[in-house]
Amino acid sequence: MDDRAALEGILWVLRNDVPWRELPITLFRVSGVPCWRRQRDWHAAGVWQRMHEDLLAECNAAGLLDLQRALVDSSHVHALKGGPDRSEPQDLPMLAMAIRETLASQLIAPSAAFGEAH
């Protein structure tokens, strides 16, 4: 499976907060279960943590981090009454939160991100 297709599928599922089985194969050329497996493997290998740290380091080196305007994301993955259905792969709450924090808030000052003067 192509890494880019897997990454796009993973991000789509997490952004849209849908079950893996609802990943549209026609858009990503891959189904949800292989994306879930890749996400699980990358999580176990520390890929997401390294990517997050690298992104923050690059933004900091470029002067794009404005910690005066930092946002703490309190997103969570809720469990429905009775707990999760174990018949299909489950999202990893910490991974989902890390990706949402990185993509949604990115800890970048809006003015710096859009090239506006301070």
PDB file of N, CA and C in Angstrom:
ATOM      1  N   MET A   1       0.848  -1.172   0.000  1.00  0.00           N
ATOM      2  CA  MET A   1       0.000   0.000   0.000  1.00  0.00           C
ATOM      3  C   MET A   1       0.898   1.241   0.000  1.00  0.00           C
ATOM      4  N   ASP A   2       0.524   2.222  -0.780  1.00  0.00           N
ATOM      5  CA  ASP A   2       1.234   3.482  -0.886  1.00  0.00           C
ATOM      6  C   ASP A   2       1.112   4.263   0.428  1.00  0.00           C
ATOM      7  N   ASP A   3       2.241   4.758   0.963  1.00  0.00           N
ATOM      8  CA  ASP A   3       2.222   5.508   2.222  1.00  0.00           C
ATOM      9  C   ASP A   3       1.349   6.755   2.137  1.00  0.00           C
ATOM     10  N   ARG A   4       1.419   7.461   1.002  1.00  0.00           N
ATOM     11  CA  ARG A   4       0.630   8.689   0.871  1.00  0.00           C
ATOM     12  C   ARG A   4      -0.869   8.380   0.909  1.00  0.00           C
ATOM     13  N   ALA A   5      -1.289   7.327   0.214  1.00  0.00           N
ATOM     14  CA  ALA A   5      -2.707   6.958   0.231  1.00  0.00           C
ATOM     15  C   ALA A   5      -3.132   6.580   1.647  1.00  0.00           C
ATOM     16  N   ALA A   6      -2.271   5.851   2.350  1.00  0.00           N
ATOM     17  CA  ALA A   6      -2.587   5.470   3.733  1.00  0.00           C
ATOM     18  C   ALA A   6      -2.710   6.707   4.617  1.00  0.00           C
ATOM     19  N   LEU A   7      -1.757   7.635   4.502  1.00  0.00           N
ATOM     20  CA  LEU A   7      -1.801   8.849   5.309  1.00  0.00           C
ATOM     21  C   LEU A   7      -3.046   9.671   5.009  1.00  0.00           C
ATOM     22  N   GLU A   8      -3.368   9.849   3.741  1.00  0.00           N
ATOM     23  CA  GLU A   8      -4.565  10.609   3.380  1.00  0.00           C
ATOM     24  C   GLU A   8      -5.826   9.949   3.926  1.00  0.00           C
ATOM     25  N   GLY A   9      -5.892   8.616   3.847  1.00  0.00           N
ATOM     26  CA  GLY A   9      -7.042   7.899   4.393  1.00  0.00           C
ATOM     27  C   GLY A   9      -7.148   8.044   5.898  1.00  0.00           C
ATOM     28  N   ILE A  10      -6.025   7.923   6.598  1.00  0.00           N
ATOM     29  CA  ILE A  10      -6.009   8.068   8.060  1.00  0.00           C
ATOM     30  C   ILE A  10      -6.482   9.459   8.462  1.00  0.00           C
ATOM     31  N   LEU A  11      -5.926  10.473   7.816  1.00  0.00           N
ATOM     32  CA  LEU A  11      -6.307  11.843   8.166  1.00  0.00           C
ATOM     33  C   LEU A  11      -7.776  12.119   7.851  1.00  0.00           C
ATOM     34  N   TRP A  12      -8.283  11.553   6.757  1.00  0.00           N
ATOM     35  CA  TRP A  12      -9.692  11.754   6.406  1.00  0.00           C
ATOM     36  C   TRP A  12     -10.602  11.150   7.468  1.00  0.00           C
ATOM     37  N   VAL A  13     -10.295   9.938   7.909  1.00  0.00           N
ATOM     38  CA  VAL A  13     -11.108   9.276   8.942  1.00  0.00           C
ATOM     39  C   VAL A  13     -11.085  10.087  10.234  1.00  0.00           C
ATOM     40  N   LEU A  14      -9.902  10.560  10.628  1.00  0.00           N
ATOM     41  CA  LEU A  14      -9.800  11.308  11.881  1.00  0.00           C
ATOM     42  C   LEU A  14     -10.436  12.691  11.784  1.00  0.00           C
ATOM     43  N   ARG A  15     -10.271  13.370  10.648  1.00  0.00           N
ATOM     44  CA  ARG A  15     -10.892  14.694  10.470  1.00  0.00           C
ATOM     45  C   ARG A  15     -12.415  14.607  10.472  1.00  0.00           C
ATOM     46  N   ASN A  16     -12.933  13.553   9.838  1.00  0.00           N
ATOM     47  CA  ASN A  16     -14.380  13.420   9.689  1.00  0.00           C
ATOM     48  C   ASN A  16     -15.033  12.612  10.800  1.00  0.00           C
ATOM     49  N   ASP A  17     -14.222  12.088  11.707  1.00  0.00           N
ATOM     50  CA  ASP A  17     -14.722  11.350  12.869  1.00  0.00           C
ATOM     51  C   ASP A  17     -15.723  10.267  12.466  1.00  0.00           C
ATOM     52  N   VAL A  18     -15.294   9.428  11.534  1.00  0.00           N
ATOM     53  CA  VAL A  18     -16.138   8.335  11.046  1.00  0.00           C
ATOM     54  C   VAL A  18     -15.443   6.996  11.293  1.00  0.00           C
ATOM     55  N   PRO A  19     -16.182   5.903  11.296  1.00  0.00           N
ATOM     56  CA  PRO A  19     -15.562   4.586  11.433  1.00  0.00           C
ATOM     57  C   PRO A  19     -14.668   4.275  10.227  1.00  0.00           C
ATOM     58  N   TRP A  20     -13.674   3.459  10.447  1.00  0.00           N
ATOM     59  CA  TRP A  20     -12.745   3.089   9.378  1.00  0.00           C
ATOM     60  C   TRP A  20     -13.475   2.485   8.184  1.00  0.00           C
ATOM     61  N   ARG A  21     -14.546   1.753   8.417  1.00  0.00           N
ATOM     62  CA  ARG A  21     -15.264   1.090   7.320  1.00  0.00           C
ATOM     63  C   ARG A  21     -15.926   2.093   6.373  1.00  0.00           C
ATOM     64  N   GLU A  22     -16.052   3.364   6.803  1.00  0.00           N
ATOM     65  CA  GLU A  22     -16.681   4.379   5.961  1.00  0.00           C
ATOM     66  C   GLU A  22     -15.686   5.158   5.102  1.00  0.00           C
ATOM     67  N   LEU A  23     -14.424   4.783   5.137  1.00  0.00           N
ATOM     68  CA  LEU A  23     -13.431   5.444   4.286  1.00  0.00           C
ATOM     69  C   LEU A  23     -13.769   5.141   2.828  1.00  0.00           C
ATOM     70  N   PRO A  24     -13.983   6.171   2.000  1.00  0.00           N
ATOM     71  CA  PRO A  24     -14.360   5.932   0.597  1.00  0.00           C
ATOM     72  C   PRO A  24     -13.170   5.437  -0.243  1.00  0.00           C
ATOM     73  N   ILE A  25     -13.225   4.190  -0.620  1.00  0.00           N
ATOM     74  CA  ILE A  25     -12.142   3.563  -1.392  1.00  0.00           C
ATOM     75  C   ILE A  25     -11.900   4.304  -2.700  1.00  0.00           C
ATOM     76  N   THR A  26     -12.951   4.810  -3.305  1.00  0.00           N
ATOM     77  CA  THR A  26     -12.796   5.491  -4.591  1.00  0.00           C
ATOM     78  C   THR A  26     -11.966   6.765  -4.477  1.00  0.00           C
ATOM     79  N   LEU A  27     -11.959   7.396  -3.326  1.00  0.00           N
ATOM     80  CA  LEU A  27     -11.162   8.617  -3.143  1.00  0.00           C
ATOM     81  C   LEU A  27      -9.701   8.334  -2.817  1.00  0.00           C
ATOM     82  N   PHE A  28      -9.443   7.272  -2.072  1.00  0.00           N
ATOM     83  CA  PHE A  28      -8.100   7.056  -1.538  1.00  0.00           C
ATOM     84  C   PHE A  28      -7.389   5.808  -2.070  1.00  0.00           C
ATOM     85  N   ARG A  29      -8.053   5.019  -2.887  1.00  0.00           N
ATOM     86  CA  ARG A  29      -7.467   3.807  -3.473  1.00  0.00           C
ATOM     87  C   ARG A  29      -7.052   2.780  -2.412  1.00  0.00           C
ATOM     88  N   VAL A  30      -7.650   2.865  -1.235  1.00  0.00           N
ATOM     89  CA  VAL A  30      -7.346   1.937  -0.148  1.00  0.00           C
ATOM     90  C   VAL A  30      -8.553   1.908   0.790  1.00  0.00           C
ATOM     91  N   SER A  31      -8.762   0.773   1.438  1.00  0.00           N
ATOM     92  CA  SER A  31      -9.905   0.674   2.354  1.00  0.00           C
ATOM     93  C   SER A  31      -9.482   1.008   3.784  1.00  0.00           C
ATOM     94  N   GLY A  32     -10.456   1.070   4.663  1.00  0.00           N
ATOM     95  CA  GLY A  32     -10.217   1.491   6.033  1.00  0.00           C
ATOM     96  C   GLY A  32      -9.344   0.567   6.860  1.00  0.00           C
ATOM     97  N   VAL A  33      -9.506  -0.744   6.714  1.00  0.00           N
ATOM     98  CA  VAL A  33      -8.742  -1.672   7.555  1.00  0.00           C
ATOM     99  C   VAL A  33      -7.237  -1.559   7.299  1.00  0.00           C
ATOM    100  N   PRO A  34      -6.774  -1.530   6.040  1.00  0.00           N
ATOM    101  CA  PRO A  34      -5.329  -1.334   5.838  1.00  0.00           C
ATOM    102  C   PRO A  34      -4.841   0.018   6.373  1.00  0.00           C
ATOM    103  N   CYS A  35      -5.662   1.048   6.274  1.00  0.00           N
ATOM    104  CA  CYS A  35      -5.283   2.355   6.840  1.00  0.00           C
ATOM    105  C   CYS A  35      -5.169   2.260   8.353  1.00  0.00           C
ATOM    106  N   TRP A  36      -6.142   1.579   8.972  1.00  0.00           N
ATOM    107  CA  TRP A  36      -6.084   1.408  10.424  1.00  0.00           C
ATOM    108  C   TRP A  36      -4.827   0.655  10.827  1.00  0.00           C
ATOM    109  N   ARG A  37      -4.487  -0.402  10.081  1.00  0.00           N
ATOM    110  CA  ARG A  37      -3.276  -1.177  10.396  1.00  0.00           C
ATOM    111  C   ARG A  37      -2.027  -0.314  10.271  1.00  0.00           C
ATOM    112  N   ARG A  38      -1.963   0.489   9.206  1.00  0.00           N
ATOM    113  CA  ARG A  38      -0.806   1.371   9.011  1.00  0.00           C
ATOM    114  C   ARG A  38      -0.726   2.390  10.144  1.00  0.00           C
ATOM    115  N   GLN A  39      -1.864   2.954  10.520  1.00  0.00           N
ATOM    116  CA  GLN A  39      -1.904   3.911  11.633  1.00  0.00           C
ATOM    117  C   GLN A  39      -1.421   3.259  12.923  1.00  0.00           C
ATOM    118  N   ARG A  40      -1.854   2.035  13.179  1.00  0.00           N
ATOM    119  CA  ARG A  40      -1.438   1.290  14.371  1.00  0.00           C
ATOM    120  C   ARG A  40       0.068   1.048  14.354  1.00  0.00           C
ATOM    121  N   ASP A  41       0.589   0.622  13.197  1.00  0.00           N
ATOM    122  CA  ASP A  41       2.025   0.340  13.075  1.00  0.00           C
ATOM    123  C   ASP A  41       2.854   1.612  13.232  1.00  0.00           C
ATOM    124  N   TRP A  42       2.402   2.703  12.609  1.00  0.00           N
ATOM    125  CA  TRP A  42       3.128   3.972  12.729  1.00  0.00           C
ATOM    126  C   TRP A  42       3.093   4.479  14.170  1.00  0.00           C
ATOM    127  N   HIS A  43       1.968   4.284  14.835  1.00  0.00           N
ATOM    128  CA  HIS A  43       1.876   4.692  16.238  1.00  0.00           C
ATOM    129  C   HIS A  43       2.878   3.900  17.081  1.00  0.00           C
ATOM    130  N   ALA A  44       2.908   2.589  16.898  1.00  0.00           N
ATOM    131  CA  ALA A  44       3.821   1.732  17.660  1.00  0.00           C
ATOM    132  C   ALA A  44       5.280   2.084  17.391  1.00  0.00           C
ATOM    133  N   ALA A  45       5.586   2.514  16.181  1.00  0.00           N
ATOM    134  CA  ALA A  45       6.959   2.865  15.805  1.00  0.00           C
ATOM    135  C   ALA A  45       7.333   4.290  16.214  1.00  0.00           C
ATOM    136  N   GLY A  46       6.390   5.056  16.744  1.00  0.00           N
ATOM    137  CA  GLY A  46       6.665   6.422  17.175  1.00  0.00           C
ATOM    138  C   GLY A  46       6.683   7.447  16.051  1.00  0.00           C
ATOM    139  N   VAL A  47       6.142   7.080  14.889  1.00  0.00           N
ATOM    140  CA  VAL A  47       6.148   7.977  13.731  1.00  0.00           C
ATOM    141  C   VAL A  47       5.368   9.257  14.009  1.00  0.00           C
ATOM    142  N   TRP A  48       4.181   9.146  14.584  1.00  0.00           N
ATOM    143  CA  TRP A  48       3.341  10.319  14.820  1.00  0.00           C
ATOM    144  C   TRP A  48       3.999  11.278  15.800  1.00  0.00           C
ATOM    145  N   GLN A  49       4.594  10.736  16.858  1.00  0.00           N
ATOM    146  CA  GLN A  49       5.263  11.585  17.852  1.00  0.00           C
ATOM    147  C   GLN A  49       6.434  12.324  17.213  1.00  0.00           C
ATOM    148  N   ARG A  50       7.252  11.610  16.423  1.00  0.00           N
ATOM    149  CA  ARG A  50       8.385  12.260  15.753  1.00  0.00           C
ATOM    150  C   ARG A  50       7.913  13.326  14.771  1.00  0.00           C
ATOM    151  N   MET A  51       6.838  13.028  14.026  1.00  0.00           N
ATOM    152  CA  MET A  51       6.317  13.985  13.069  1.00  0.00           C
ATOM    153  C   MET A  51       5.828  15.249  13.789  1.00  0.00           C
ATOM    154  N   HIS A  52       5.144  15.072  14.891  1.00  0.00           N
ATOM    155  CA  HIS A  52       4.658  16.205  15.670  1.00  0.00           C
ATOM    156  C   HIS A  52       5.839  17.038  16.180  1.00  0.00           C
ATOM    157  N   GLU A  53       6.845  16.374  16.741  1.00  0.00           N
ATOM    158  CA  GLU A  53       8.014  17.080  17.253  1.00  0.00           C
ATOM    159  C   GLU A  53       8.764  17.806  16.141  1.00  0.00           C
ATOM    160  N   ASP A  54       8.915  17.162  14.978  1.00  0.00           N
ATOM    161  CA  ASP A  54       9.595  17.802  13.845  1.00  0.00           C
ATOM    162  C   ASP A  54       8.830  19.026  13.362  1.00  0.00           C
ATOM    163  N   LEU A  55       7.510  18.926  13.277  1.00  0.00           N
ATOM    164  CA  LEU A  55       6.691  20.052  12.851  1.00  0.00           C
ATOM    165  C   LEU A  55       6.848  21.229  13.806  1.00  0.00           C
ATOM    166  N   LEU A  56       6.787  20.952  15.093  1.00  0.00           N
ATOM    167  CA  LEU A  56       6.956  22.022  16.074  1.00  0.00           C
ATOM    168  C   LEU A  56       8.356  22.628  16.011  1.00  0.00           C
ATOM    169  N   ALA A  57       9.378  21.794  15.832  1.00  0.00           N
ATOM    170  CA  ALA A  57      10.758  22.299  15.738  1.00  0.00           C
ATOM    171  C   ALA A  57      10.937  23.178  14.507  1.00  0.00           C
ATOM    172  N   GLU A  58      10.382  22.760  13.369  1.00  0.00           N
ATOM    173  CA  GLU A  58      10.482  23.569  12.148  1.00  0.00           C
ATOM    174  C   GLU A  58       9.756  24.897  12.308  1.00  0.00           C
ATOM    175  N   CYS A  59       8.575  24.862  12.895  1.00  0.00           N
ATOM    176  CA  CYS A  59       7.825  26.105  13.110  1.00  0.00           C
ATOM    177  C   CYS A  59       8.578  27.022  14.069  1.00  0.00           C
ATOM    178  N   ASN A  60       9.150  26.449  15.106  1.00  0.00           N
ATOM    179  CA  ASN A  60       9.903  27.247  16.072  1.00  0.00           C
ATOM    180  C   ASN A  60      11.132  27.868  15.412  1.00  0.00           C
ATOM    181  N   ALA A  61      11.871  27.077  14.619  1.00  0.00           N
ATOM    182  CA  ALA A  61      13.066  27.585  13.937  1.00  0.00           C
ATOM    183  C   ALA A  61      12.720  28.706  12.960  1.00  0.00           C
ATOM    184  N   ALA A  62      11.555  28.641  12.359  1.00  0.00           N
ATOM    185  CA  ALA A  62      11.123  29.672  11.405  1.00  0.00           C
ATOM    186  C   ALA A  62      10.463  30.860  12.096  1.00  0.00           C
ATOM    187  N   GLY A  63      10.390  30.819  13.430  1.00  0.00           N
ATOM    188  CA  GLY A  63       9.772  31.914  14.170  1.00  0.00           C
ATOM    189  C   GLY A  63       8.257  31.957  14.049  1.00  0.00           C
ATOM    190  N   LEU A  64       7.640  30.823  13.741  1.00  0.00           N
ATOM    191  CA  LEU A  64       6.195  30.791  13.542  1.00  0.00           C
ATOM    192  C   LEU A  64       5.401  30.381  14.777  1.00  0.00           C
ATOM    193  N   LEU A  65       6.085  29.983  15.845  1.00  0.00           N
ATOM    194  CA  LEU A  65       5.365  29.611  17.059  1.00  0.00           C
ATOM    195  C   LEU A  65       5.116  30.848  17.896  1.00  0.00           C
ATOM    196  N   ASP A  66       3.895  31.047  18.277  1.00  0.00           N
ATOM    197  CA  ASP A  66       3.522  32.154  19.141  1.00  0.00           C
ATOM    198  C   ASP A  66       2.871  31.542  20.368  1.00  0.00           C
ATOM    199  N   LEU A  67       3.677  31.234  21.365  1.00  0.00           N
ATOM    200  CA  LEU A  67       3.152  30.557  22.542  1.00  0.00           C
ATOM    201  C   LEU A  67       2.285  31.463  23.407  1.00  0.00           C
ATOM    202  N   GLN A  68       2.263  32.754  23.119  1.00  0.00           N
ATOM    203  CA  GLN A  68       1.338  33.655  23.807  1.00  0.00           C
ATOM    204  C   GLN A  68      -0.096  33.363  23.372  1.00  0.00           C
ATOM    205  N   ARG A  69      -0.227  32.779  22.181  1.00  0.00           N
ATOM    206  CA  ARG A  69      -1.553  32.503  21.638  1.00  0.00           C
ATOM    207  C   ARG A  69      -1.769  30.998  21.457  1.00  0.00           C
ATOM    208  N   ALA A  70      -1.074  30.183  22.249  1.00  0.00           N
ATOM    209  CA  ALA A  70      -1.173  28.729  22.133  1.00  0.00           C
ATOM    210  C   ALA A  70      -2.566  28.254  22.521  1.00  0.00           C
ATOM    211  N   LEU A  71      -2.966  27.160  21.936  1.00  0.00           N
ATOM    212  CA  LEU A  71      -4.281  26.586  22.187  1.00  0.00           C
ATOM    213  C   LEU A  71      -4.107  25.147  22.649  1.00  0.00           C
ATOM    214  N   VAL A  72      -4.761  24.801  23.712  1.00  0.00           N
ATOM    215  CA  VAL A  72      -4.750  23.421  24.179  1.00  0.00           C
ATOM    216  C   VAL A  72      -6.055  22.799  23.723  1.00  0.00           C
ATOM    217  N   ASP A  73      -5.951  21.757  22.928  1.00  0.00           N
ATOM    218  CA  ASP A  73      -7.129  21.094  22.385  1.00  0.00           C
ATOM    219  C   ASP A  73      -7.576  20.013  23.357  1.00  0.00           C
ATOM    220  N   SER A  74      -8.830  20.056  23.738  1.00  0.00           N
ATOM    221  CA  SER A  74      -9.347  19.068  24.682  1.00  0.00           C
ATOM    222  C   SER A  74     -10.212  18.032  23.983  1.00  0.00           C
ATOM    223  N   SER A  75      -9.926  17.778  22.709  1.00  0.00           N
ATOM    224  CA  SER A  75     -10.693  16.775  21.969  1.00  0.00           C
ATOM    225  C   SER A  75     -10.570  15.417  22.641  1.00  0.00           C
ATOM    226  N   HIS A  76     -11.556  14.625  22.459  1.00  0.00           N
ATOM    227  CA  HIS A  76     -11.537  13.273  22.994  1.00  0.00           C
ATOM    228  C   HIS A  76     -12.379  12.376  22.096  1.00  0.00           C
ATOM    229  N   VAL A  77     -12.143  11.105  22.237  1.00  0.00           N
ATOM    230  CA  VAL A  77     -12.955  10.121  21.523  1.00  0.00           C
ATOM    231  C   VAL A  77     -13.877   9.515  22.564  1.00  0.00           C
ATOM    232  N   HIS A  78     -15.165   9.704  22.386  1.00  0.00           N
ATOM    233  CA  HIS A  78     -16.118   9.250  23.395  1.00  0.00           C
ATOM    234  C   HIS A  78     -16.476   7.780  23.203  1.00  0.00           C
ATOM    235  N   ALA A  79     -16.798   7.142  24.310  1.00  0.00           N
ATOM    236  CA  ALA A  79     -17.268   5.765  24.266  1.00  0.00           C
ATOM    237  C   ALA A  79     -18.786   5.789  24.400  1.00  0.00           C
ATOM    238  N   LEU A  80     -19.439   5.100  23.516  1.00  0.00           N
ATOM    239  CA  LEU A  80     -20.892   5.023  23.614  1.00  0.00           C
ATOM    240  C   LEU A  80     -21.285   4.111  24.759  1.00  0.00           C
ATOM    241  N   LYS A  81     -22.504   4.223  25.189  1.00  0.00           N
ATOM    242  CA  LYS A  81     -23.025   3.402  26.279  1.00  0.00           C
ATOM    243  C   LYS A  81     -22.704   1.936  26.014  1.00  0.00           C
ATOM    244  N   GLY A  82     -22.091   1.291  26.980  1.00  0.00           N
ATOM    245  CA  GLY A  82     -21.753  -0.112  26.832  1.00  0.00           C
ATOM    246  C   GLY A  82     -20.336  -0.337  26.333  1.00  0.00           C
ATOM    247  N   GLY A  83     -19.600   0.713  26.012  1.00  0.00           N
ATOM    248  CA  GLY A  83     -18.223   0.571  25.587  1.00  0.00           C
ATOM    249  C   GLY A  83     -18.096   0.328  24.099  1.00  0.00           C
ATOM    250  N   PRO A  84     -16.866   0.190  23.643  1.00  0.00           N
ATOM    251  CA  PRO A  84     -16.619   0.060  22.202  1.00  0.00           C
ATOM    252  C   PRO A  84     -17.030  -1.293  21.649  1.00  0.00           C
ATOM    253  N   ASP A  85     -17.352  -1.294  20.371  1.00  0.00           N
ATOM    254  CA  ASP A  85     -17.648  -2.524  19.645  1.00  0.00           C
ATOM    255  C   ASP A  85     -16.322  -3.081  19.158  1.00  0.00           C
ATOM    256  N   ARG A  86     -15.925  -4.233  19.659  1.00  0.00           N
ATOM    257  CA  ARG A  86     -14.623  -4.813  19.324  1.00  0.00           C
ATOM    258  C   ARG A  86     -14.640  -5.606  18.016  1.00  0.00           C
ATOM    259  N   SER A  87     -15.730  -5.538  17.273  1.00  0.00           N
ATOM    260  CA  SER A  87     -15.810  -6.293  16.032  1.00  0.00           C
ATOM    261  C   SER A  87     -15.035  -5.615  14.898  1.00  0.00           C
ATOM    262  N   GLU A  88     -14.599  -4.375  15.094  1.00  0.00           N
ATOM    263  CA  GLU A  88     -13.824  -3.669  14.078  1.00  0.00           C
ATOM    264  C   GLU A  88     -12.685  -2.920  14.761  1.00  0.00           C
ATOM    265  N   PRO A  89     -11.631  -2.572  14.014  1.00  0.00           N
ATOM    266  CA  PRO A  89     -10.510  -1.831  14.612  1.00  0.00           C
ATOM    267  C   PRO A  89     -10.988  -0.516  15.226  1.00  0.00           C
ATOM    268  N   GLN A  90     -10.356  -0.133  16.311  1.00  0.00           N
ATOM    269  CA  GLN A  90     -10.742   1.083  17.023  1.00  0.00           C
ATOM    270  C   GLN A  90      -9.710   2.185  16.826  1.00  0.00           C
ATOM    271  N   ASP A  91     -10.159   3.429  16.893  1.00  0.00           N
ATOM    272  CA  ASP A  91      -9.259   4.580  16.858  1.00  0.00           C
ATOM    273  C   ASP A  91      -8.401   4.563  18.111  1.00  0.00           C
ATOM    274  N   LEU A  92      -7.214   5.087  18.003  1.00  0.00           N
ATOM    275  CA  LEU A  92      -6.377   5.272  19.176  1.00  0.00           C
ATOM    276  C   LEU A  92      -6.600   6.701  19.660  1.00  0.00           C
ATOM    277  N   PRO A  93      -7.242   6.880  20.821  1.00  0.00           N
ATOM    278  CA  PRO A  93      -7.580   8.224  21.273  1.00  0.00           C
ATOM    279  C   PRO A  93      -6.390   9.179  21.324  1.00  0.00           C
ATOM    280  N   MET A  94      -5.251   8.731  21.805  1.00  0.00           N
ATOM    281  CA  MET A  94      -4.110   9.628  21.904  1.00  0.00           C
ATOM    282  C   MET A  94      -3.612  10.036  20.525  1.00  0.00           C
ATOM    283  N   LEU A  95      -3.609   9.108  19.591  1.00  0.00           N
ATOM    284  CA  LEU A  95      -3.183   9.432  18.232  1.00  0.00           C
ATOM    285  C   LEU A  95      -4.146  10.429  17.600  1.00  0.00           C
ATOM    286  N   ALA A  96      -5.428  10.180  17.756  1.00  0.00           N
ATOM    287  CA  ALA A  96      -6.419  11.097  17.193  1.00  0.00           C
ATOM    288  C   ALA A  96      -6.248  12.489  17.787  1.00  0.00           C
ATOM    289  N   MET A  97      -6.028  12.566  19.096  1.00  0.00           N
ATOM    290  CA  MET A  97      -5.868  13.862  19.739  1.00  0.00           C
ATOM    291  C   MET A  97      -4.607  14.559  19.234  1.00  0.00           C
ATOM    292  N   ALA A  98      -3.504  13.819  19.102  1.00  0.00           N
ATOM    293  CA  ALA A  98      -2.260  14.426  18.628  1.00  0.00           C
ATOM    294  C   ALA A  98      -2.400  14.957  17.215  1.00  0.00           C
ATOM    295  N   ILE A  99      -3.051  14.194  16.351  1.00  0.00           N
ATOM    296  CA  ILE A  99      -3.228  14.642  14.974  1.00  0.00           C
ATOM    297  C   ILE A  99      -4.152  15.844  14.920  1.00  0.00           C
ATOM    298  N   ARG A 100      -5.243  15.797  15.664  1.00  0.00           N
ATOM    299  CA  ARG A 100      -6.167  16.929  15.677  1.00  0.00           C
ATOM    300  C   ARG A 100      -5.479  18.186  16.195  1.00  0.00           C
ATOM    301  N   GLU A 101      -4.680  18.029  17.266  1.00  0.00           N
ATOM    302  CA  GLU A 101      -3.961  19.188  17.800  1.00  0.00           C
ATOM    303  C   GLU A 101      -3.017  19.764  16.753  1.00  0.00           C
ATOM    304  N   THR A 102      -2.301  18.888  16.082  1.00  0.00           N
ATOM    305  CA  THR A 102      -1.327  19.340  15.095  1.00  0.00           C
ATOM    306  C   THR A 102      -1.999  19.995  13.900  1.00  0.00           C
ATOM    307  N   LEU A 103      -3.021  19.356  13.371  1.00  0.00           N
ATOM    308  CA  LEU A 103      -3.656  19.874  12.167  1.00  0.00           C
ATOM    309  C   LEU A 103      -4.583  21.056  12.445  1.00  0.00           C
ATOM    310  N   ALA A 104      -5.319  21.000  13.533  1.00  0.00           N
ATOM    311  CA  ALA A 104      -6.314  22.033  13.790  1.00  0.00           C
ATOM    312  C   ALA A 104      -5.697  23.319  14.342  1.00  0.00           C
ATOM    313  N   SER A 105      -4.880  23.199  15.369  1.00  0.00           N
ATOM    314  CA  SER A 105      -4.358  24.416  15.992  1.00  0.00           C
ATOM    315  C   SER A 105      -2.942  24.737  15.525  1.00  0.00           C
ATOM    316  N   GLN A 106      -2.119  23.754  15.313  1.00  0.00           N
ATOM    317  CA  GLN A 106      -0.738  23.856  14.840  1.00  0.00           C
ATOM    318  C   GLN A 106       0.121  24.817  15.651  1.00  0.00           C
ATOM    319  N   LEU A 107      -0.424  25.403  16.663  1.00  0.00           N
ATOM    320  CA  LEU A 107       0.315  26.336  17.515  1.00  0.00           C
ATOM    321  C   LEU A 107       1.012  27.431  16.716  1.00  0.00           C
ATOM    322  N   ILE A 108       0.460  27.781  15.568  1.00  0.00           N
ATOM    323  CA  ILE A 108       1.031  28.832  14.735  1.00  0.00           C
ATOM    324  C   ILE A 108       0.156  30.075  14.867  1.00  0.00           C
ATOM    325  N   ALA A 109       0.796  31.199  15.077  1.00  0.00           N
ATOM    326  CA  ALA A 109       0.037  32.447  15.160  1.00  0.00           C
ATOM    327  C   ALA A 109      -0.617  32.706  13.822  1.00  0.00           C
ATOM    328  N   PRO A 110      -1.922  33.012  13.797  1.00  0.00           N
ATOM    329  CA  PRO A 110      -2.601  33.266  12.526  1.00  0.00           C
ATOM    330  C   PRO A 110      -1.926  34.342  11.692  1.00  0.00           C
ATOM    331  N   SER A 111      -1.435  35.394  12.331  1.00  0.00           N
ATOM    332  CA  SER A 111      -0.803  36.477  11.564  1.00  0.00           C
ATOM    333  C   SER A 111       0.467  35.969  10.873  1.00  0.00           C
ATOM    334  N   ALA A 112       1.266  35.127  11.563  1.00  0.00           N
ATOM    335  CA  ALA A 112       2.488  34.608  10.957  1.00  0.00           C
ATOM    336  C   ALA A 112       2.158  33.608   9.846  1.00  0.00           C
ATOM    337  N   ALA A 113       1.123  32.835  10.054  1.00  0.00           N
ATOM    338  CA  ALA A 113       0.773  31.816   9.078  1.00  0.00           C
ATOM    339  C   ALA A 113       0.300  32.442   7.761  1.00  0.00           C
ATOM    340  N   PHE A 114      -0.320  33.619   7.847  1.00  0.00           N
ATOM    341  CA  PHE A 114      -0.843  34.257   6.641  1.00  0.00           C
ATOM    342  C   PHE A 114       0.002  35.436   6.180  1.00  0.00           C
ATOM    343  N   GLY A 115       1.197  35.579   6.743  1.00  0.00           N
ATOM    344  CA  GLY A 115       2.135  36.586   6.277  1.00  0.00           C
ATOM    345  C   GLY A 115       1.749  38.005   6.637  1.00  0.00           C
ATOM    346  N   GLU A 116       0.902  38.198   7.633  1.00  0.00           N
ATOM    347  CA  GLU A 116       0.486  39.534   8.040  1.00  0.00           C
ATOM    348  C   GLU A 116       1.532  40.138   8.964  1.00  0.00           C
ATOM    349  N   ALA A 117       1.627  41.428   8.958  1.00  0.00           N
ATOM    350  CA  ALA A 117       2.551  42.132   9.848  1.00  0.00           C
ATOM    351  C   ALA A 117       2.009  42.099  11.274  1.00  0.00           C
ATOM    352  N   HIS A 118       2.916  42.092  12.250  1.00  0.00           N
ATOM    353  CA  HIS A 118       2.502  42.077  13.656  1.00  0.00           C
ATOM    354  C   HIS A 118       2.091  43.434  14.118  1.00  0.00           C
TER     355      HIS A 118
END
